[in-house]
Amino acid sequence: MRHLDIAEVARQSGVPASTLRFYEEKGLIASTGRRGLRRLFEPGVLERLALIALGRAAGFSLDEIARMFAPDGRPCIDRRMLVAKAEQLDRTIRELSAMRDGLRHAAACPAPGHMECPTFRRIVRAAASGAIGGRGKKVP
């Protein structure tokens, strides 16, 4: 089996070498040795990096992603965690859609000023209360 050095892994995966070293520190990937000063990785690290990228794109933290791998390195993903993340994404999509719609309304609103527009004022109150962006409790 041909091992890849860190520069090859960075080139093939698009993940910078500094990030690869950080992922190794976090236990997300493991080098198998060194060639001179360069870390060596098994080719399977590319698939693992792709799974890490997918997890990051879905909004999982690195700690959550680390728990998605069994001690032997194989993916072992808790389906309940996937469902919970999908539900969180649904909430975020609803919030962002409401924000988009409100901004479009405010842009086209015939009110003389934005603060005279009831819809825009509702958006401002929601943002201040944390109802938009998940900072605090929801306000009707």
N, C-alpha and C. Protein backbone atom coordinates (compact mmCIF):
# COMPACT_ATOMS: atom_id res chain seq x y z
N MET A 1 0.84 -1.17 0.00
CA MET A 1 0.00 0.00 0.00
C MET A 1 0.90 1.24 0.00
N ARG A 2 0.61 2.14 -0.90
CA ARG A 2 1.38 3.38 -1.02
C ARG A 2 0.82 4.42 -0.05
N HIS A 3 1.68 4.95 0.78
CA HIS A 3 1.27 6.00 1.70
C HIS A 3 1.41 7.36 1.04
N LEU A 4 0.57 8.28 1.45
CA LEU A 4 0.59 9.64 0.92
C LEU A 4 1.23 10.56 1.94
N ASP A 5 2.12 11.44 1.47
CA ASP A 5 2.65 12.40 2.43
C ASP A 5 1.66 13.54 2.58
N ILE A 6 1.88 14.36 3.58
CA ILE A 6 0.92 15.40 3.93
C ILE A 6 0.65 16.36 2.77
N ALA A 7 1.68 16.63 1.96
CA ALA A 7 1.48 17.53 0.82
C ALA A 7 0.56 16.89 -0.21
N GLU A 8 0.70 15.58 -0.44
CA GLU A 8 -0.19 14.89 -1.37
C GLU A 8 -1.62 14.86 -0.86
N VAL A 9 -1.78 14.61 0.43
CA VAL A 9 -3.12 14.59 1.02
C VAL A 9 -3.75 15.98 0.90
N ALA A 10 -2.97 17.02 1.18
CA ALA A 10 -3.48 18.39 1.07
C ALA A 10 -3.90 18.68 -0.37
N ARG A 11 -3.09 18.28 -1.31
CA ARG A 11 -3.39 18.55 -2.73
C ARG A 11 -4.63 17.79 -3.17
N GLN A 12 -4.71 16.51 -2.83
CA GLN A 12 -5.84 15.69 -3.29
C GLN A 12 -7.15 16.02 -2.58
N SER A 13 -7.05 16.42 -1.33
CA SER A 13 -8.28 16.68 -0.56
C SER A 13 -8.71 18.14 -0.60
N GLY A 14 -7.78 19.02 -0.91
CA GLY A 14 -8.08 20.45 -0.86
C GLY A 14 -8.05 21.00 0.56
N VAL A 15 -7.62 20.19 1.52
CA VAL A 15 -7.52 20.60 2.92
C VAL A 15 -6.08 21.05 3.17
N PRO A 16 -5.89 22.28 3.65
CA PRO A 16 -4.52 22.76 3.89
C PRO A 16 -3.76 21.87 4.89
N ALA A 17 -2.46 21.80 4.72
CA ALA A 17 -1.62 20.99 5.62
C ALA A 17 -1.80 21.42 7.07
N SER A 18 -1.95 22.72 7.32
CA SER A 18 -2.14 23.19 8.70
C SER A 18 -3.43 22.60 9.30
N THR A 19 -4.47 22.49 8.49
CA THR A 19 -5.73 21.90 8.95
C THR A 19 -5.55 20.41 9.19
N LEU A 20 -4.80 19.74 8.31
CA LEU A 20 -4.53 18.32 8.50
C LEU A 20 -3.81 18.08 9.83
N ARG A 21 -2.83 18.93 10.14
CA ARG A 21 -2.11 18.79 11.41
C ARG A 21 -3.07 19.03 12.58
N PHE A 22 -3.96 20.01 12.45
CA PHE A 22 -4.94 20.29 13.50
C PHE A 22 -5.89 19.10 13.67
N TYR A 23 -6.37 18.55 12.56
CA TYR A 23 -7.24 17.38 12.63
C TYR A 23 -6.53 16.21 13.31
N GLU A 24 -5.25 16.08 13.05
CA GLU A 24 -4.49 15.00 13.69
C GLU A 24 -4.40 15.25 15.20
N GLU A 25 -4.16 16.49 15.60
CA GLU A 25 -4.13 16.84 17.03
C GLU A 25 -5.45 16.53 17.70
N LYS A 26 -6.57 16.77 16.98
CA LYS A 26 -7.91 16.53 17.53
C LYS A 26 -8.29 15.05 17.49
N GLY A 27 -7.47 14.21 16.84
CA GLY A 27 -7.76 12.79 16.75
C GLY A 27 -8.71 12.41 15.63
N LEU A 28 -8.97 13.34 14.71
CA LEU A 28 -9.88 13.05 13.60
C LEU A 28 -9.20 12.20 12.52
N ILE A 29 -7.91 12.38 12.35
CA ILE A 29 -7.13 11.57 11.41
C ILE A 29 -5.84 11.17 12.11
N ALA A 30 -5.17 10.18 11.56
CA ALA A 30 -3.91 9.72 12.17
C ALA A 30 -2.89 9.46 11.08
N SER A 31 -1.70 9.97 11.30
CA SER A 31 -0.62 9.66 10.37
C SER A 31 -0.07 8.29 10.74
N THR A 32 0.59 7.68 9.78
CA THR A 32 1.12 6.33 10.00
C THR A 32 2.64 6.34 10.17
N GLY A 33 3.23 7.50 10.04
CA GLY A 33 4.68 7.62 10.18
C GLY A 33 5.15 8.88 9.49
N ARG A 34 6.44 8.88 9.16
CA ARG A 34 7.03 10.05 8.52
C ARG A 34 7.99 9.63 7.43
N ARG A 35 8.07 10.50 6.44
CA ARG A 35 9.09 10.41 5.41
C ARG A 35 9.88 11.71 5.54
N GLY A 36 11.03 11.62 6.18
CA GLY A 36 11.75 12.84 6.53
C GLY A 36 10.95 13.58 7.57
N LEU A 37 10.63 14.83 7.29
CA LEU A 37 9.84 15.64 8.22
C LEU A 37 8.35 15.60 7.91
N ARG A 38 7.98 14.96 6.81
CA ARG A 38 6.58 14.96 6.38
C ARG A 38 5.81 13.77 6.94
N ARG A 39 4.63 14.06 7.44
CA ARG A 39 3.75 13.01 7.92
C ARG A 39 3.27 12.16 6.74
N LEU A 40 3.04 10.88 7.01
CA LEU A 40 2.51 9.96 6.01
C LEU A 40 1.13 9.49 6.44
N PHE A 41 0.24 9.32 5.46
CA PHE A 41 -1.12 8.87 5.73
C PHE A 41 -1.48 7.73 4.79
N GLU A 42 -2.36 6.85 5.25
CA GLU A 42 -2.91 5.81 4.38
C GLU A 42 -3.88 6.48 3.41
N PRO A 43 -4.06 5.91 2.22
CA PRO A 43 -4.97 6.51 1.23
C PRO A 43 -6.40 6.68 1.75
N GLY A 44 -6.82 5.85 2.69
CA GLY A 44 -8.17 5.95 3.25
C GLY A 44 -8.44 7.26 3.96
N VAL A 45 -7.38 8.02 4.26
CA VAL A 45 -7.56 9.31 4.92
C VAL A 45 -8.37 10.26 4.03
N LEU A 46 -8.29 10.08 2.71
CA LEU A 46 -9.03 10.97 1.80
C LEU A 46 -10.54 10.80 1.97
N GLU A 47 -10.98 9.56 2.12
CA GLU A 47 -12.42 9.33 2.36
C GLU A 47 -12.83 9.88 3.72
N ARG A 48 -11.98 9.70 4.69
CA ARG A 48 -12.27 10.22 6.04
C ARG A 48 -12.37 11.75 5.99
N LEU A 49 -11.47 12.39 5.27
CA LEU A 49 -11.52 13.85 5.13
C LEU A 49 -12.79 14.29 4.41
N ALA A 50 -13.23 13.50 3.45
CA ALA A 50 -14.49 13.83 2.76
C ALA A 50 -15.66 13.74 3.73
N LEU A 51 -15.66 12.74 4.60
CA LEU A 51 -16.72 12.62 5.61
C LEU A 51 -16.66 13.77 6.61
N ILE A 52 -15.46 14.17 6.98
CA ILE A 52 -15.30 15.31 7.88
C ILE A 52 -15.84 16.56 7.21
N ALA A 53 -15.52 16.76 5.93
CA ALA A 53 -16.02 17.93 5.20
C ALA A 53 -17.54 17.92 5.14
N LEU A 54 -18.13 16.75 4.92
CA LEU A 54 -19.59 16.65 4.89
C LEU A 54 -20.17 17.02 6.25
N GLY A 55 -19.58 16.52 7.31
CA GLY A 55 -20.04 16.84 8.66
C GLY A 55 -19.94 18.33 8.95
N ARG A 56 -18.83 18.94 8.56
CA ARG A 56 -18.65 20.38 8.76
C ARG A 56 -19.69 21.17 7.96
N ALA A 57 -19.93 20.75 6.71
CA ALA A 57 -20.91 21.44 5.87
C ALA A 57 -22.31 21.34 6.47
N ALA A 58 -22.59 20.24 7.16
CA ALA A 58 -23.91 20.05 7.78
C ALA A 58 -24.01 20.78 9.12
N GLY A 59 -22.89 21.34 9.58
CA GLY A 59 -22.92 22.12 10.82
C GLY A 59 -22.51 21.38 12.07
N PHE A 60 -21.95 20.18 11.92
CA PHE A 60 -21.48 19.45 13.10
C PHE A 60 -20.15 20.03 13.58
N SER A 61 -19.95 20.03 14.88
CA SER A 61 -18.67 20.46 15.44
C SER A 61 -17.64 19.35 15.21
N LEU A 62 -16.37 19.69 15.36
CA LEU A 62 -15.33 18.68 15.20
C LEU A 62 -15.46 17.60 16.27
N ASP A 63 -15.87 17.97 17.48
CA ASP A 63 -16.07 16.96 18.52
C ASP A 63 -17.19 16.00 18.15
N GLU A 64 -18.28 16.53 17.59
CA GLU A 64 -19.38 15.67 17.14
C GLU A 64 -18.91 14.76 16.01
N ILE A 65 -18.13 15.30 15.10
CA ILE A 65 -17.62 14.50 13.99
C ILE A 65 -16.70 13.40 14.51
N ALA A 66 -15.87 13.72 15.48
CA ALA A 66 -14.97 12.71 16.04
C ALA A 66 -15.75 11.52 16.61
N ARG A 67 -16.92 11.80 17.19
CA ARG A 67 -17.75 10.71 17.74
C ARG A 67 -18.42 9.87 16.66
N MET A 68 -18.32 10.32 15.40
CA MET A 68 -18.94 9.58 14.30
C MET A 68 -18.03 8.48 13.75
N PHE A 69 -16.88 8.30 14.38
CA PHE A 69 -15.95 7.26 13.94
C PHE A 69 -15.69 6.29 15.08
N ALA A 70 -15.71 5.01 14.75
CA ALA A 70 -15.40 3.97 15.72
C ALA A 70 -13.89 4.01 16.02
N PRO A 71 -13.47 3.38 17.11
CA PRO A 71 -12.03 3.38 17.44
C PRO A 71 -11.14 2.86 16.31
N ASP A 72 -11.68 1.97 15.47
CA ASP A 72 -10.87 1.45 14.36
C ASP A 72 -10.88 2.39 13.14
N GLY A 73 -11.58 3.53 13.27
CA GLY A 73 -11.58 4.52 12.19
C GLY A 73 -12.75 4.44 11.23
N ARG A 74 -13.53 3.36 11.33
CA ARG A 74 -14.69 3.24 10.43
C ARG A 74 -15.80 4.17 10.86
N PRO A 75 -16.58 4.69 9.88
CA PRO A 75 -17.72 5.53 10.25
C PRO A 75 -18.72 4.73 11.09
N CYS A 76 -19.20 5.36 12.14
CA CYS A 76 -20.17 4.76 13.05
C CYS A 76 -21.07 5.91 13.48
N ILE A 77 -22.01 6.28 12.62
CA ILE A 77 -22.77 7.51 12.80
C ILE A 77 -24.10 7.22 13.49
N ASP A 78 -24.33 7.94 14.58
CA ASP A 78 -25.57 7.82 15.35
C ASP A 78 -26.69 8.46 14.55
N ARG A 79 -27.65 7.66 14.15
CA ARG A 79 -28.75 8.17 13.33
C ARG A 79 -29.59 9.21 14.06
N ARG A 80 -29.70 9.09 15.39
CA ARG A 80 -30.45 10.10 16.15
C ARG A 80 -29.77 11.46 16.06
N MET A 81 -28.45 11.45 16.02
CA MET A 81 -27.71 12.71 15.89
C MET A 81 -27.99 13.33 14.53
N LEU A 82 -28.10 12.49 13.50
CA LEU A 82 -28.42 13.00 12.16
C LEU A 82 -29.82 13.60 12.13
N VAL A 83 -30.78 12.93 12.76
CA VAL A 83 -32.15 13.44 12.80
C VAL A 83 -32.19 14.77 13.56
N ALA A 84 -31.49 14.85 14.68
CA ALA A 84 -31.46 16.08 15.47
C ALA A 84 -30.86 17.23 14.66
N LYS A 85 -29.79 16.95 13.92
CA LYS A 85 -29.16 18.00 13.10
C LYS A 85 -30.11 18.41 11.98
N ALA A 86 -30.80 17.45 11.37
CA ALA A 86 -31.75 17.78 10.30
C ALA A 86 -32.87 18.67 10.84
N GLU A 87 -33.35 18.39 12.05
CA GLU A 87 -34.39 19.21 12.66
C GLU A 87 -33.85 20.61 12.96
N GLN A 88 -32.61 20.70 13.42
CA GLN A 88 -31.99 22.00 13.67
C GLN A 88 -31.87 22.79 12.36
N LEU A 89 -31.48 22.11 11.29
CA LEU A 89 -31.38 22.76 9.99
C LEU A 89 -32.75 23.23 9.51
N ASP A 90 -33.80 22.43 9.76
CA ASP A 90 -35.16 22.85 9.40
C ASP A 90 -35.52 24.16 10.11
N ARG A 91 -35.20 24.25 11.42
CA ARG A 91 -35.49 25.48 12.17
C ARG A 91 -34.72 26.66 11.59
N THR A 92 -33.46 26.44 11.27
CA THR A 92 -32.63 27.50 10.70
C THR A 92 -33.18 27.94 9.35
N ILE A 93 -33.59 26.99 8.54
CA ILE A 93 -34.16 27.32 7.22
C ILE A 93 -35.43 28.15 7.39
N ARG A 94 -36.28 27.78 8.34
CA ARG A 94 -37.50 28.55 8.58
C ARG A 94 -37.16 29.98 9.02
N GLU A 95 -36.21 30.11 9.94
CA GLU A 95 -35.81 31.44 10.41
C GLU A 95 -35.22 32.27 9.27
N LEU A 96 -34.35 31.68 8.49
CA LEU A 96 -33.72 32.42 7.39
C LEU A 96 -34.74 32.77 6.31
N SER A 97 -35.68 31.88 6.05
CA SER A 97 -36.72 32.17 5.07
C SER A 97 -37.58 33.33 5.53
N ALA A 98 -37.93 33.34 6.81
CA ALA A 98 -38.73 34.45 7.36
C ALA A 98 -37.94 35.76 7.26
N MET A 99 -36.64 35.69 7.57
CA MET A 99 -35.79 36.88 7.47
C MET A 99 -35.72 37.37 6.03
N ARG A 100 -35.53 36.45 5.09
CA ARG A 100 -35.47 36.82 3.67
C ARG A 100 -36.77 37.48 3.23
N ASP A 101 -37.88 36.86 3.59
CA ASP A 101 -39.18 37.41 3.20
C ASP A 101 -39.40 38.79 3.82
N GLY A 102 -39.00 38.94 5.08
CA GLY A 102 -39.15 40.23 5.74
C GLY A 102 -38.29 41.32 5.10
N LEU A 103 -37.07 40.95 4.74
CA LEU A 103 -36.19 41.92 4.08
C LEU A 103 -36.72 42.31 2.71
N ARG A 104 -37.24 41.34 1.99
CA ARG A 104 -37.84 41.67 0.68
C ARG A 104 -39.04 42.59 0.86
N HIS A 105 -39.84 42.31 1.89
CA HIS A 105 -40.99 43.18 2.15
C HIS A 105 -40.51 44.59 2.49
N ALA A 106 -39.53 44.68 3.39
CA ALA A 106 -39.03 46.00 3.80
C ALA A 106 -38.46 46.77 2.61
N ALA A 107 -37.83 46.07 1.68
CA ALA A 107 -37.25 46.73 0.50
C ALA A 107 -38.34 47.30 -0.40
N ALA A 108 -39.50 46.66 -0.42
CA ALA A 108 -40.58 47.10 -1.32
C ALA A 108 -41.72 47.79 -0.57
N CYS A 109 -41.63 47.92 0.75
CA CYS A 109 -42.72 48.46 1.56
C CYS A 109 -43.02 49.91 1.19
N PRO A 110 -44.30 50.25 1.05
CA PRO A 110 -44.67 51.62 0.70
C PRO A 110 -44.62 52.59 1.89
N ALA A 111 -44.33 52.11 3.10
CA ALA A 111 -44.26 53.01 4.26
C ALA A 111 -43.16 54.04 4.02
N PRO A 112 -43.35 55.26 4.54
CA PRO A 112 -42.36 56.32 4.31
C PRO A 112 -40.97 55.98 4.86
N GLY A 113 -40.89 55.25 5.95
CA GLY A 113 -39.61 54.84 6.52
C GLY A 113 -39.72 53.43 7.06
N HIS A 114 -38.59 52.76 7.17
CA HIS A 114 -38.61 51.36 7.61
C HIS A 114 -39.24 51.21 9.00
N MET A 115 -38.96 52.12 9.90
CA MET A 115 -39.50 51.98 11.25
C MET A 115 -41.00 52.26 11.31
N GLU A 116 -41.57 52.72 10.24
CA GLU A 116 -43.02 52.90 10.17
C GLU A 116 -43.70 51.67 9.57
N CYS A 117 -42.92 50.72 9.14
CA CYS A 117 -43.45 49.48 8.55
C CYS A 117 -43.63 48.45 9.67
N PRO A 118 -44.86 47.99 9.93
CA PRO A 118 -45.10 47.01 10.99
C PRO A 118 -44.30 45.72 10.79
N THR A 119 -44.16 45.28 9.56
CA THR A 119 -43.40 44.04 9.29
C THR A 119 -41.94 44.23 9.66
N PHE A 120 -41.35 45.35 9.27
CA PHE A 120 -39.94 45.61 9.59
C PHE A 120 -39.76 45.73 11.10
N ARG A 121 -40.67 46.39 11.78
CA ARG A 121 -40.57 46.53 13.24
C ARG A 121 -40.64 45.15 13.92
N ARG A 122 -41.46 44.25 13.38
CA ARG A 122 -41.54 42.89 13.91
C ARG A 122 -40.20 42.18 13.76
N ILE A 123 -39.55 42.37 12.61
CA ILE A 123 -38.23 41.76 12.38
C ILE A 123 -37.22 42.31 13.38
N VAL A 124 -37.25 43.61 13.61
CA VAL A 124 -36.32 44.24 14.54
C VAL A 124 -36.54 43.68 15.95
N ARG A 125 -37.79 43.56 16.38
CA ARG A 125 -38.09 42.99 17.71
C ARG A 125 -37.62 41.55 17.80
N ALA A 126 -37.84 40.77 16.75
CA ALA A 126 -37.43 39.37 16.76
C ALA A 126 -35.91 39.26 16.86
N ALA A 127 -35.20 40.11 16.13
CA ALA A 127 -33.74 40.08 16.19
C ALA A 127 -33.24 40.48 17.57
N ALA A 128 -33.86 41.49 18.17
CA ALA A 128 -33.45 41.96 19.50
C ALA A 128 -33.70 40.91 20.57
N SER A 129 -34.75 40.11 20.39
CA SER A 129 -35.09 39.11 21.40
C SER A 129 -34.30 37.81 21.23
N GLY A 130 -33.60 37.71 20.12
CA GLY A 130 -32.87 36.47 19.86
C GLY A 130 -33.68 35.44 19.11
N ALA A 131 -34.89 35.78 18.73
CA ALA A 131 -35.73 34.83 17.99
C ALA A 131 -35.16 34.56 16.61
N ILE A 132 -34.35 35.47 16.12
CA ILE A 132 -33.67 35.26 14.84
C ILE A 132 -32.21 35.03 15.15
N GLY A 133 -31.68 33.91 14.70
CA GLY A 133 -30.28 33.60 14.94
C GLY A 133 -30.06 32.70 16.14
N GLY A 134 -31.13 32.33 16.83
CA GLY A 134 -31.03 31.34 17.89
C GLY A 134 -30.33 31.82 19.15
N ARG A 135 -30.27 33.13 19.40
CA ARG A 135 -29.55 33.63 20.58
C ARG A 135 -30.35 33.51 21.86
N GLY A 136 -31.63 33.54 21.78
CA GLY A 136 -32.44 33.55 23.01
C GLY A 136 -33.77 32.90 22.80
N LYS A 137 -34.70 33.24 23.71
CA LYS A 137 -36.02 32.62 23.60
C LYS A 137 -36.82 33.27 22.47
N LYS A 138 -37.74 32.51 21.95
CA LYS A 138 -38.57 32.97 20.84
C LYS A 138 -39.66 33.89 21.35
N VAL A 139 -39.94 34.93 20.58
CA VAL A 139 -41.01 35.85 20.90
C VAL A 139 -42.02 35.79 19.78
N PRO A 140 -43.32 35.67 20.10
CA PRO A 140 -44.33 35.56 19.04
C PRO A 140 -44.43 36.82 18.22
